[in-house]
Protein backbone atom coordinates (compact mmCIF):
# COMPACT_ATOMS: atom_id res chain seq x y z
CA MET A 1 55.91 59.62 39.48
CA ALA A 2 53.95 61.91 37.11
CA ASP A 3 56.52 64.74 37.08
CA GLU A 4 59.49 62.42 36.42
CA LEU A 5 61.44 63.25 33.26
CA THR A 6 61.03 60.24 30.99
CA HIS A 7 63.57 61.21 28.33
CA ILE A 8 66.50 61.62 30.74
CA ASP A 9 68.61 58.76 32.12
CA ASP A 10 70.00 58.60 35.67
CA LYS A 11 73.06 60.61 34.56
CA GLY A 12 70.97 63.39 32.98
CA ARG A 13 71.57 62.33 29.38
CA ALA A 14 68.82 62.29 26.77
CA ARG A 15 67.44 58.85 25.96
CA MET A 16 64.60 57.26 24.06
CA VAL A 17 61.90 55.95 26.37
CA ASP A 18 61.55 52.15 26.51
CA ILE A 19 57.97 51.40 25.45
CA SER A 20 58.43 47.67 24.92
CA ARG A 21 56.23 46.73 27.89
CA LYS A 22 53.34 49.01 26.92
CA THR A 23 50.26 47.55 25.28
CA PRO A 24 49.58 48.63 21.68
CA GLN A 25 46.52 50.89 21.41
CA LEU A 26 44.76 52.77 18.65
CA ARG A 27 46.30 56.24 18.78
CA ILE A 28 44.81 59.27 17.02
CA ALA A 29 46.08 62.85 17.01
CA ARG A 30 44.84 66.01 15.31
CA ALA A 31 46.82 69.21 14.76
CA SER A 32 46.44 72.52 12.94
CA GLY A 33 48.36 75.63 11.99
CA ARG A 34 48.18 78.53 9.61
CA ILE A 35 50.22 80.85 7.46
CA GLU A 36 49.19 84.45 6.99
CA LEU A 37 49.55 85.63 3.40
CA GLY A 38 49.14 88.87 1.52
CA GLU A 39 45.99 89.49 -0.51
CA ARG A 40 47.87 89.12 -3.83
CA THR A 41 49.33 85.78 -2.73
CA VAL A 42 45.91 84.46 -1.72
CA LYS A 43 44.58 85.44 -5.15
CA LEU A 44 47.48 83.74 -6.96
CA ILE A 45 46.87 80.53 -5.00
CA SER A 46 43.11 80.75 -5.54
CA ASP A 47 43.60 81.14 -9.29
CA ASN A 48 46.29 78.40 -9.31
CA ASN A 49 48.75 80.88 -10.81
CA MET A 50 51.80 80.28 -8.60
CA LYS A 51 54.84 79.46 -10.74
CA LYS A 52 55.68 76.39 -8.60
CA GLY A 53 52.24 74.84 -9.12
CA ASP A 54 49.19 73.93 -7.02
CA VAL A 55 50.22 75.20 -3.59
CA LEU A 56 47.51 73.47 -1.56
CA ALA A 57 47.95 70.06 -3.21
CA VAL A 58 51.74 70.13 -2.91
CA ALA A 59 51.52 71.24 0.74
CA GLU A 60 49.17 68.36 1.56
CA ILE A 61 51.49 65.81 -0.04
CA ALA A 62 54.51 67.31 1.73
CA GLY A 63 52.67 67.01 5.05
CA VAL A 64 51.94 63.32 4.47
CA GLN A 65 55.56 62.65 3.53
CA ALA A 66 56.82 64.52 6.58
CA ALA A 67 54.58 62.63 8.99
CA LYS A 68 56.04 59.37 7.71
CA ARG A 69 59.58 60.63 8.43
CA THR A 70 59.02 62.18 11.86
CA SER A 71 61.28 59.75 13.72
CA GLU A 72 64.11 60.62 11.31
CA LEU A 73 63.71 64.33 12.07
CA ILE A 74 63.12 64.33 15.83
CA PRO A 75 65.81 62.33 17.63
CA LEU A 76 63.83 60.78 20.49
CA CYS A 77 60.65 59.91 18.56
CA HIS A 78 59.88 56.25 17.99
CA PRO A 79 59.21 55.11 14.42
CA LEU A 80 55.50 54.33 14.23
CA PRO A 81 53.42 52.13 11.91
CA ILE A 82 51.17 54.92 10.66
CA THR A 83 47.85 53.53 9.46
CA ASN A 84 46.45 56.85 8.31
CA ILE A 85 47.57 60.42 7.82
CA THR A 86 45.27 63.05 6.39
CA VAL A 87 46.47 66.58 5.67
CA ARG A 88 44.07 69.26 4.45
CA ALA A 89 45.13 72.75 3.37
CA SER A 90 42.38 75.30 2.86
CA LEU A 91 42.54 78.87 1.62
CA ASP A 92 40.78 81.75 3.31
CA PRO A 93 41.00 85.53 2.70
CA HIS A 94 44.02 85.85 5.02
CA GLY A 95 46.06 82.76 4.23
CA VAL A 96 46.13 78.99 4.48
CA LEU A 97 44.87 76.78 7.29
CA VAL A 98 46.40 73.30 7.52
CA GLU A 99 44.82 70.50 9.54
CA SER A 100 46.08 66.97 10.00
CA GLU A 101 44.91 63.74 11.56
CA ALA A 102 47.22 60.79 12.11
CA SER A 103 46.49 57.34 13.48
CA CYS A 104 48.31 54.11 14.26
CA ILE A 105 48.14 51.09 16.50
CA ALA A 106 51.23 51.44 18.65
CA ARG A 107 52.72 51.63 22.14
CA THR A 108 53.18 55.41 22.05
CA GLY A 109 51.33 58.46 20.76
CA ILE A 110 51.27 59.88 17.25
CA GLU A 111 50.96 63.56 18.09
CA MET A 112 54.46 64.42 16.82
CA GLU A 113 53.53 63.01 13.41
CA ALA A 114 50.38 65.14 13.26
CA LEU A 115 52.34 68.25 14.28
CA THR A 116 55.16 67.51 11.84
CA ALA A 117 52.64 67.10 9.01
CA VAL A 118 51.16 70.53 9.70
CA THR A 119 54.53 72.23 10.12
CA VAL A 120 56.04 70.88 6.91
CA ALA A 121 52.86 71.62 4.95
CA LEU A 122 53.05 75.23 6.13
CA LEU A 123 56.76 75.43 5.27
CA THR A 124 55.88 74.13 1.82
CA VAL A 125 53.35 76.93 1.35
CA TYR A 126 56.06 79.37 2.44
CA ASP A 127 58.56 77.92 -0.03
CA MET A 128 56.11 78.01 -2.91
CA CYS A 129 55.09 81.61 -2.21
CA LYS A 130 58.33 83.25 -1.07
CA ALA A 131 59.03 84.78 -4.50
CA VAL A 132 55.85 86.89 -4.33
CA ASP A 133 55.29 87.46 -0.59
CA SER A 134 57.99 88.59 1.83
CA GLN A 135 55.55 89.21 4.70
CA MET A 136 54.28 85.66 5.32
CA ARG A 137 53.92 84.53 8.93
CA ILE A 138 53.62 80.94 10.09
CA GLY A 139 51.90 80.44 13.42
CA GLU A 140 49.18 79.00 15.59
CA ILE A 141 50.55 75.46 15.27
CA ALA A 142 48.79 73.39 17.92
CA LEU A 143 47.86 69.89 18.91
CA LEU A 144 44.05 69.88 18.85
CA SER A 145 43.48 66.45 20.34
CA LYS A 146 45.01 63.09 21.03
CA SER A 147 43.39 59.86 22.11
CA LYS A 148 44.14 56.24 22.73
CA VAL A 149 41.74 53.32 22.74
CA ASP A 150 42.34 49.70 23.60
CA VAL A 151 42.13 47.36 20.62
CA ASP A 152 41.08 43.72 20.64
């Protein structure tokens, strides 16, 4: 049944879904999000003058690390054999856009890893800029796409 709750057992308790009978497939997910920053903060990042270092590079690395630890952070997520995770942070006049793409060959999707990568990358930007910008706003975090393809 399509509307059946898969993460609830017959007594209404949370449970991890049994995926052992599913066939491994190539799974790919893309996500994005942004953080709005003040003009001064954008300039400091652009000039690489933030006291904590290269904001965009550190955010990208943090996103990769976070994706690899998703199942440790979100209780009902399965640990996945990630084959690729790309995180890109780009500066624009109003803030930072973060985009991620994650892939694996597994029995379940990798969208939580892509979303976790974006979220932690944005939190890293926040952490690195909080001393100079008290008006930052994180938002627009979204899953852009997910796909699965049979593998031979």
